[in-house]
Amino acid sequence: MQPLIELQYSKFFAWENRPTYPNFHYPGVYAISICEFNLAGRDFSWEHVVYIGMTTTSLKQRLYGFHRAIHGKRGHSGGNTMYKTYQSVGTEIDLDSIFVAMMGISCDVKTPTASDLRTLGNVVYLEYEAFAQYYEASGGNKPKFNTQ
């Protein structure tokens, strides 16, 4: 089956540098990886992905919620799951080991046109496409912190 829109993640960004992604203020999909070596600037791959997410507001807002959640504050289920998992074994989350690849899609979410609404529908589709690709790449699994 041909995809409606092609999933094209950016190269990986170090967690602290995620705001430098050019489409950071748009809706989109993202994949969070945890890795002991530096993935920043590397092409996207599913190998170290632990969470797939999407937003129909902005990547900035959604990833800020994730950031708060991995520090023990509420607001993002994947971040909350990651925080609880690390806390349960008495380990701190090393922010230097977190990387994110994103695909932001330009559209107006405040006063959307019919075209913008279709674009937002594509964002939702792209999250499911990401899950399907991960499933195929991992032999039928889902990312570690995607519990819902």
N, C-alpha and C. Protein backbone atom coordinates (compact mmCIF):
# COMPACT_ATOMS: atom_id res chain seq x y z
N MET A 1 0.84 -1.19 0.00
CA MET A 1 0.00 0.00 0.00
C MET A 1 0.88 1.25 0.00
N GLN A 2 0.60 2.18 -0.84
CA GLN A 2 1.35 3.42 -0.92
C GLN A 2 0.94 4.34 0.23
N PRO A 3 1.90 4.95 0.90
CA PRO A 3 1.54 5.88 1.98
C PRO A 3 0.89 7.15 1.42
N LEU A 4 0.03 7.76 2.23
CA LEU A 4 -0.62 9.02 1.84
C LEU A 4 0.42 10.13 1.71
N ILE A 5 1.37 10.11 2.62
CA ILE A 5 2.46 11.09 2.66
C ILE A 5 3.67 10.34 3.19
N GLU A 6 4.83 10.65 2.67
CA GLU A 6 6.03 9.91 3.07
C GLU A 6 6.57 10.41 4.41
N LEU A 7 6.83 9.47 5.30
CA LEU A 7 7.42 9.78 6.59
C LEU A 7 8.90 10.08 6.38
N GLN A 8 9.32 11.30 6.68
CA GLN A 8 10.70 11.72 6.49
C GLN A 8 11.19 12.43 7.75
N TYR A 9 11.72 11.65 8.66
CA TYR A 9 12.26 12.26 9.88
C TYR A 9 13.52 13.05 9.57
N SER A 10 13.76 14.05 10.38
CA SER A 10 15.00 14.82 10.33
C SER A 10 16.15 13.93 10.79
N LYS A 11 17.35 14.46 10.71
CA LYS A 11 18.47 13.82 11.39
C LYS A 11 18.19 13.95 12.88
N PHE A 12 18.92 13.20 13.69
CA PHE A 12 18.73 13.28 15.14
C PHE A 12 19.28 14.59 15.69
N PHE A 13 18.56 15.12 16.66
CA PHE A 13 18.99 16.30 17.41
C PHE A 13 19.26 15.87 18.85
N ALA A 14 20.32 16.40 19.45
CA ALA A 14 20.52 16.22 20.89
C ALA A 14 19.30 16.84 21.57
N TRP A 15 18.87 16.25 22.67
CA TRP A 15 17.67 16.72 23.36
C TRP A 15 17.73 18.22 23.62
N GLU A 16 18.85 18.70 24.11
CA GLU A 16 18.96 20.13 24.44
C GLU A 16 18.92 21.03 23.20
N ASN A 17 19.20 20.48 22.03
CA ASN A 17 19.21 21.27 20.80
C ASN A 17 17.94 21.14 19.97
N ARG A 18 16.92 20.46 20.51
CA ARG A 18 15.70 20.25 19.74
C ARG A 18 15.06 21.55 19.26
N PRO A 19 15.16 22.67 20.01
CA PRO A 19 14.54 23.90 19.50
C PRO A 19 15.18 24.45 18.23
N THR A 20 16.33 23.94 17.84
CA THR A 20 16.98 24.43 16.61
C THR A 20 16.42 23.78 15.35
N TYR A 21 15.54 22.80 15.50
CA TYR A 21 14.90 22.18 14.35
C TYR A 21 14.05 23.25 13.65
N PRO A 22 14.23 23.46 12.35
CA PRO A 22 13.53 24.56 11.65
C PRO A 22 12.00 24.54 11.75
N ASN A 23 11.38 23.37 11.80
CA ASN A 23 9.91 23.28 11.86
C ASN A 23 9.40 22.99 13.26
N PHE A 24 10.14 23.42 14.26
CA PHE A 24 9.83 23.15 15.66
C PHE A 24 8.49 23.75 16.11
N HIS A 25 8.04 24.79 15.44
CA HIS A 25 6.81 25.48 15.85
C HIS A 25 5.56 24.95 15.14
N TYR A 26 5.72 23.89 14.37
CA TYR A 26 4.61 23.31 13.63
C TYR A 26 4.17 21.98 14.23
N PRO A 27 2.98 21.52 13.86
CA PRO A 27 2.56 20.16 14.22
C PRO A 27 3.48 19.14 13.55
N GLY A 28 3.47 17.92 14.06
CA GLY A 28 4.28 16.89 13.42
C GLY A 28 4.41 15.63 14.24
N VAL A 29 5.33 14.80 13.80
CA VAL A 29 5.63 13.54 14.47
C VAL A 29 7.08 13.58 14.96
N TYR A 30 7.35 12.75 15.96
CA TYR A 30 8.71 12.71 16.50
C TYR A 30 9.01 11.31 17.01
N ALA A 31 10.29 11.01 17.04
CA ALA A 31 10.77 9.72 17.55
C ALA A 31 11.92 10.02 18.52
N ILE A 32 11.78 9.52 19.72
CA ILE A 32 12.79 9.75 20.75
C ILE A 32 13.63 8.50 20.91
N SER A 33 14.94 8.71 20.93
CA SER A 33 15.90 7.61 21.08
C SER A 33 16.74 7.83 22.31
N ILE A 34 17.14 6.74 22.92
CA ILE A 34 18.10 6.78 24.02
C ILE A 34 19.30 5.96 23.57
N CYS A 35 20.46 6.59 23.65
CA CYS A 35 21.66 5.93 23.16
C CYS A 35 22.88 6.43 23.94
N GLU A 36 23.81 5.53 24.23
CA GLU A 36 25.02 5.92 24.96
C GLU A 36 25.98 6.73 24.11
N PHE A 37 25.92 6.58 22.79
CA PHE A 37 26.81 7.40 21.96
C PHE A 37 26.00 8.49 21.27
N ASN A 38 26.69 9.49 20.79
CA ASN A 38 26.06 10.69 20.25
C ASN A 38 25.41 10.43 18.90
N LEU A 39 24.09 10.54 18.85
CA LEU A 39 23.34 10.38 17.60
C LEU A 39 23.13 11.71 16.88
N ALA A 40 23.45 12.82 17.53
CA ALA A 40 23.17 14.14 16.95
C ALA A 40 23.80 14.26 15.56
N GLY A 41 22.98 14.68 14.60
CA GLY A 41 23.44 14.87 13.24
C GLY A 41 23.43 13.61 12.39
N ARG A 42 23.11 12.48 12.99
CA ARG A 42 23.07 11.23 12.24
C ARG A 42 21.71 11.05 11.57
N ASP A 43 21.71 10.32 10.47
CA ASP A 43 20.46 10.01 9.79
C ASP A 43 19.56 9.19 10.71
N PHE A 44 18.27 9.35 10.51
CA PHE A 44 17.29 8.63 11.32
C PHE A 44 17.37 7.12 11.08
N SER A 45 17.23 6.37 12.16
CA SER A 45 17.02 4.92 12.09
C SER A 45 16.17 4.53 13.30
N TRP A 46 15.56 3.37 13.21
CA TRP A 46 14.68 2.90 14.28
C TRP A 46 15.46 2.24 15.42
N GLU A 47 16.74 2.04 15.26
CA GLU A 47 17.52 1.19 16.16
C GLU A 47 17.39 1.53 17.65
N HIS A 48 17.46 2.78 18.03
CA HIS A 48 17.44 3.15 19.45
C HIS A 48 16.15 3.85 19.86
N VAL A 49 15.12 3.82 19.02
CA VAL A 49 13.87 4.53 19.30
C VAL A 49 13.14 3.86 20.47
N VAL A 50 12.75 4.69 21.44
CA VAL A 50 12.02 4.21 22.61
C VAL A 50 10.62 4.82 22.71
N TYR A 51 10.34 5.82 21.87
CA TYR A 51 9.02 6.45 21.92
C TYR A 51 8.73 7.13 20.59
N ILE A 52 7.51 6.95 20.12
CA ILE A 52 7.00 7.62 18.93
C ILE A 52 5.81 8.47 19.36
N GLY A 53 5.78 9.72 18.89
CA GLY A 53 4.66 10.58 19.25
C GLY A 53 4.30 11.53 18.13
N MET A 54 3.22 12.25 18.34
CA MET A 54 2.76 13.24 17.37
C MET A 54 2.05 14.35 18.11
N THR A 55 1.90 15.47 17.42
CA THR A 55 1.15 16.59 17.96
C THR A 55 0.45 17.33 16.85
N THR A 56 -0.75 17.81 17.14
CA THR A 56 -1.46 18.65 16.18
C THR A 56 -1.41 20.11 16.63
N THR A 57 -0.59 20.41 17.62
CA THR A 57 -0.37 21.81 18.03
C THR A 57 1.01 22.23 17.53
N SER A 58 2.05 21.98 18.32
CA SER A 58 3.41 22.25 17.85
C SER A 58 4.37 21.28 18.52
N LEU A 59 5.42 20.94 17.79
CA LEU A 59 6.46 20.08 18.37
C LEU A 59 7.04 20.74 19.61
N LYS A 60 7.17 22.05 19.58
CA LYS A 60 7.70 22.79 20.73
C LYS A 60 6.88 22.51 21.99
N GLN A 61 5.57 22.66 21.89
CA GLN A 61 4.71 22.44 23.06
C GLN A 61 4.74 20.99 23.52
N ARG A 62 4.64 20.08 22.59
CA ARG A 62 4.56 18.66 22.95
C ARG A 62 5.85 18.16 23.56
N LEU A 63 6.98 18.56 22.99
CA LEU A 63 8.26 18.09 23.53
C LEU A 63 8.60 18.80 24.84
N TYR A 64 8.07 20.00 25.04
CA TYR A 64 8.21 20.65 26.35
C TYR A 64 7.45 19.83 27.40
N GLY A 65 6.25 19.36 27.05
CA GLY A 65 5.50 18.50 27.96
C GLY A 65 6.25 17.22 28.27
N PHE A 66 6.89 16.64 27.27
CA PHE A 66 7.70 15.44 27.48
C PHE A 66 8.86 15.74 28.43
N HIS A 67 9.52 16.88 28.19
CA HIS A 67 10.65 17.29 29.04
C HIS A 67 10.22 17.43 30.49
N ARG A 68 9.10 18.08 30.72
CA ARG A 68 8.58 18.23 32.09
C ARG A 68 8.29 16.86 32.71
N ALA A 69 7.69 15.98 31.92
CA ALA A 69 7.29 14.67 32.43
C ALA A 69 8.49 13.82 32.82
N ILE A 70 9.59 13.88 32.06
CA ILE A 70 10.75 13.07 32.43
C ILE A 70 11.47 13.64 33.64
N HIS A 71 11.01 14.79 34.11
CA HIS A 71 11.51 15.38 35.35
C HIS A 71 10.48 15.25 36.48
N GLY A 72 9.49 14.37 36.28
CA GLY A 72 8.54 14.07 37.34
C GLY A 72 7.29 14.91 37.38
N LYS A 73 7.11 15.77 36.41
CA LYS A 73 5.89 16.58 36.37
C LYS A 73 4.91 15.93 35.41
N ARG A 74 3.65 16.17 35.60
CA ARG A 74 2.62 15.56 34.75
C ARG A 74 2.51 16.28 33.42
N GLY A 75 1.88 15.60 32.46
CA GLY A 75 1.59 16.29 31.22
C GLY A 75 1.87 15.53 29.95
N HIS A 76 2.56 14.41 30.02
CA HIS A 76 2.86 13.65 28.80
C HIS A 76 2.98 12.18 29.21
N SER A 77 2.10 11.33 28.68
CA SER A 77 2.07 9.94 29.14
C SER A 77 3.37 9.20 28.86
N GLY A 78 3.98 9.40 27.68
CA GLY A 78 5.24 8.74 27.38
C GLY A 78 6.36 9.19 28.30
N GLY A 79 6.42 10.49 28.55
CA GLY A 79 7.41 11.03 29.48
C GLY A 79 7.18 10.53 30.89
N ASN A 80 5.91 10.45 31.30
CA ASN A 80 5.59 9.93 32.62
C ASN A 80 6.02 8.47 32.75
N THR A 81 5.77 7.69 31.71
CA THR A 81 6.17 6.27 31.71
C THR A 81 7.69 6.15 31.81
N MET A 82 8.41 6.96 31.05
CA MET A 82 9.87 6.92 31.10
C MET A 82 10.37 7.29 32.50
N TYR A 83 9.82 8.35 33.07
CA TYR A 83 10.23 8.79 34.40
C TYR A 83 9.99 7.69 35.44
N LYS A 84 8.79 7.10 35.43
CA LYS A 84 8.46 6.05 36.40
C LYS A 84 9.35 4.84 36.22
N THR A 85 9.67 4.49 34.98
CA THR A 85 10.53 3.33 34.71
C THR A 85 11.93 3.56 35.30
N TYR A 86 12.49 4.72 35.05
CA TYR A 86 13.82 5.03 35.58
C TYR A 86 13.80 5.14 37.10
N GLN A 87 12.77 5.76 37.65
CA GLN A 87 12.67 5.90 39.11
C GLN A 87 12.52 4.56 39.80
N SER A 88 11.83 3.62 39.16
CA SER A 88 11.59 2.31 39.78
C SER A 88 12.87 1.51 39.99
N VAL A 89 13.90 1.83 39.22
CA VAL A 89 15.19 1.14 39.40
C VAL A 89 16.24 2.06 39.99
N GLY A 90 15.80 3.23 40.47
CA GLY A 90 16.70 4.16 41.13
C GLY A 90 17.72 4.81 40.22
N THR A 91 17.35 5.02 38.96
CA THR A 91 18.27 5.60 37.98
C THR A 91 17.77 6.97 37.53
N GLU A 92 18.68 7.90 37.37
CA GLU A 92 18.34 9.21 36.82
C GLU A 92 18.37 9.13 35.30
N ILE A 93 17.55 9.91 34.66
CA ILE A 93 17.57 9.99 33.20
C ILE A 93 18.72 10.91 32.80
N ASP A 94 19.59 10.40 31.96
CA ASP A 94 20.72 11.18 31.46
C ASP A 94 20.27 11.91 30.20
N LEU A 95 20.06 13.22 30.31
CA LEU A 95 19.57 14.00 29.17
C LEU A 95 20.54 13.97 28.00
N ASP A 96 21.82 13.76 28.26
CA ASP A 96 22.80 13.69 27.18
C ASP A 96 22.64 12.44 26.33
N SER A 97 21.84 11.47 26.80
CA SER A 97 21.64 10.24 26.04
C SER A 97 20.31 10.24 25.29
N ILE A 98 19.58 11.36 25.34
CA ILE A 98 18.29 11.45 24.67
C ILE A 98 18.44 12.27 23.38
N PHE A 99 17.89 11.71 22.31
CA PHE A 99 17.94 12.33 20.99
C PHE A 99 16.55 12.27 20.38
N VAL A 100 16.26 13.23 19.53
CA VAL A 100 14.94 13.26 18.91
C VAL A 100 15.07 13.57 17.42
N ALA A 101 14.31 12.84 16.63
CA ALA A 101 14.16 13.13 15.20
C ALA A 101 12.72 13.57 14.99
N MET A 102 12.51 14.55 14.14
CA MET A 102 11.19 15.15 14.00
C MET A 102 10.82 15.32 12.53
N MET A 103 9.53 15.44 12.32
CA MET A 103 9.02 15.83 11.01
C MET A 103 7.88 16.81 11.27
N GLY A 104 8.20 18.09 11.21
CA GLY A 104 7.19 19.12 11.37
C GLY A 104 6.56 19.45 10.03
N ILE A 105 5.28 19.74 10.06
CA ILE A 105 4.55 20.03 8.82
C ILE A 105 3.88 21.39 8.96
N SER A 106 4.22 22.28 8.05
CA SER A 106 3.72 23.64 8.08
C SER A 106 2.20 23.68 7.86
N CYS A 107 1.52 24.31 8.82
CA CYS A 107 0.09 24.59 8.66
C CYS A 107 -0.35 25.56 9.74
N ASP A 108 -1.49 26.17 9.55
CA ASP A 108 -2.05 27.14 10.49
C ASP A 108 -3.03 26.41 11.40
N VAL A 109 -2.66 26.23 12.67
CA VAL A 109 -3.54 25.52 13.60
C VAL A 109 -4.50 26.47 14.33
N LYS A 110 -4.22 27.77 14.30
CA LYS A 110 -5.07 28.74 15.00
C LYS A 110 -6.33 29.08 14.19
N THR A 111 -6.18 29.29 12.90
CA THR A 111 -7.32 29.57 12.02
C THR A 111 -7.17 28.70 10.77
N PRO A 112 -7.40 27.39 10.94
CA PRO A 112 -7.12 26.46 9.85
C PRO A 112 -8.11 26.57 8.69
N THR A 113 -7.56 26.40 7.50
CA THR A 113 -8.36 26.27 6.28
C THR A 113 -8.66 24.78 6.08
N ALA A 114 -9.41 24.45 5.06
CA ALA A 114 -9.66 23.05 4.75
C ALA A 114 -8.34 22.33 4.46
N SER A 115 -7.43 23.00 3.79
CA SER A 115 -6.11 22.42 3.50
C SER A 115 -5.34 22.14 4.79
N ASP A 116 -5.39 23.07 5.75
CA ASP A 116 -4.71 22.87 7.03
C ASP A 116 -5.31 21.68 7.79
N LEU A 117 -6.62 21.53 7.73
CA LEU A 117 -7.26 20.40 8.40
C LEU A 117 -6.81 19.08 7.78
N ARG A 118 -6.67 19.05 6.47
CA ARG A 118 -6.15 17.84 5.82
C ARG A 118 -4.70 17.58 6.25
N THR A 119 -3.93 18.64 6.37
CA THR A 119 -2.55 18.51 6.83
C THR A 119 -2.51 17.91 8.24
N LEU A 120 -3.37 18.37 9.11
CA LEU A 120 -3.43 17.81 10.47
C LEU A 120 -3.82 16.34 10.43
N GLY A 121 -4.70 15.98 9.52
CA GLY A 121 -5.04 14.57 9.34
C GLY A 121 -3.83 13.77 8.89
N ASN A 122 -2.98 14.36 8.05
CA ASN A 122 -1.75 13.69 7.63
C ASN A 122 -0.81 13.47 8.81
N VAL A 123 -0.79 14.40 9.76
CA VAL A 123 0.07 14.23 10.94
C VAL A 123 -0.37 12.99 11.71
N VAL A 124 -1.67 12.84 11.91
CA VAL A 124 -2.19 11.67 12.62
C VAL A 124 -1.83 10.40 11.84
N TYR A 125 -2.03 10.44 10.52
CA TYR A 125 -1.65 9.30 9.68
C TYR A 125 -0.17 8.97 9.86
N LEU A 126 0.69 9.99 9.87
CA LEU A 126 2.14 9.76 9.95
C LEU A 126 2.54 9.07 11.25
N GLU A 127 1.82 9.35 12.33
CA GLU A 127 2.14 8.63 13.57
C GLU A 127 1.86 7.14 13.40
N TYR A 128 0.75 6.80 12.80
CA TYR A 128 0.44 5.38 12.58
C TYR A 128 1.41 4.76 11.58
N GLU A 129 1.82 5.52 10.58
CA GLU A 129 2.83 5.04 9.64
C GLU A 129 4.15 4.77 10.38
N ALA A 130 4.50 5.65 11.31
CA ALA A 130 5.72 5.44 12.11
C ALA A 130 5.62 4.16 12.93
N PHE A 131 4.47 3.94 13.56
CA PHE A 131 4.28 2.70 14.32
C PHE A 131 4.40 1.48 13.42
N ALA A 132 3.82 1.55 12.23
CA ALA A 132 3.89 0.42 11.29
C ALA A 132 5.34 0.16 10.87
N GLN A 133 6.08 1.21 10.58
CA GLN A 133 7.48 1.03 10.19
C GLN A 133 8.31 0.48 11.34
N TYR A 134 8.05 0.98 12.54
CA TYR A 134 8.78 0.47 13.71
C TYR A 134 8.46 -1.02 13.91
N TYR A 135 7.19 -1.35 13.81
CA TYR A 135 6.73 -2.73 13.96
C TYR A 135 7.47 -3.65 12.99
N GLU A 136 7.57 -3.22 11.73
CA GLU A 136 8.27 -4.01 10.73
C GLU A 136 9.76 -4.11 11.02
N ALA A 137 10.36 -3.01 11.44
CA ALA A 137 11.81 -2.98 11.69
C ALA A 137 12.21 -3.76 12.94
N SER A 138 11.28 -3.86 13.89
CA SER A 138 11.62 -4.49 15.18
C SER A 138 11.11 -5.92 15.32
N GLY A 139 10.53 -6.45 14.28
CA GLY A 139 10.01 -7.81 14.37
C GLY A 139 8.71 -7.93 15.13
N GLY A 140 7.89 -6.89 15.07
CA GLY A 140 6.56 -6.97 15.66
C GLY A 140 6.42 -6.33 17.04
N ASN A 141 7.33 -5.48 17.41
CA ASN A 141 7.26 -4.82 18.72
C ASN A 141 6.80 -3.38 18.59
N LYS A 142 6.53 -2.77 19.74
CA LYS A 142 6.29 -1.34 19.78
C LYS A 142 7.39 -0.71 20.63
N PRO A 143 7.62 0.59 20.50
CA PRO A 143 8.68 1.23 21.29
C PRO A 143 8.45 1.05 22.80
N LYS A 144 9.54 0.97 23.51
CA LYS A 144 9.53 0.65 24.95
C LYS A 144 8.57 1.52 25.78
N PHE A 145 8.51 2.81 25.50
CA PHE A 145 7.70 3.71 26.33
C PHE A 145 6.37 4.08 25.72
N ASN A 146 6.00 3.49 24.62
CA ASN A 146 4.65 3.63 24.06
C ASN A 146 3.77 2.56 24.68
N THR A 147 3.06 2.92 25.70
CA THR A 147 2.24 1.95 26.43
C THR A 147 0.78 2.00 26.05
N GLN A 148 0.34 3.04 25.39
CA GLN A 148 -1.07 3.18 25.03
C GLN A 148 -1.29 2.85 23.58
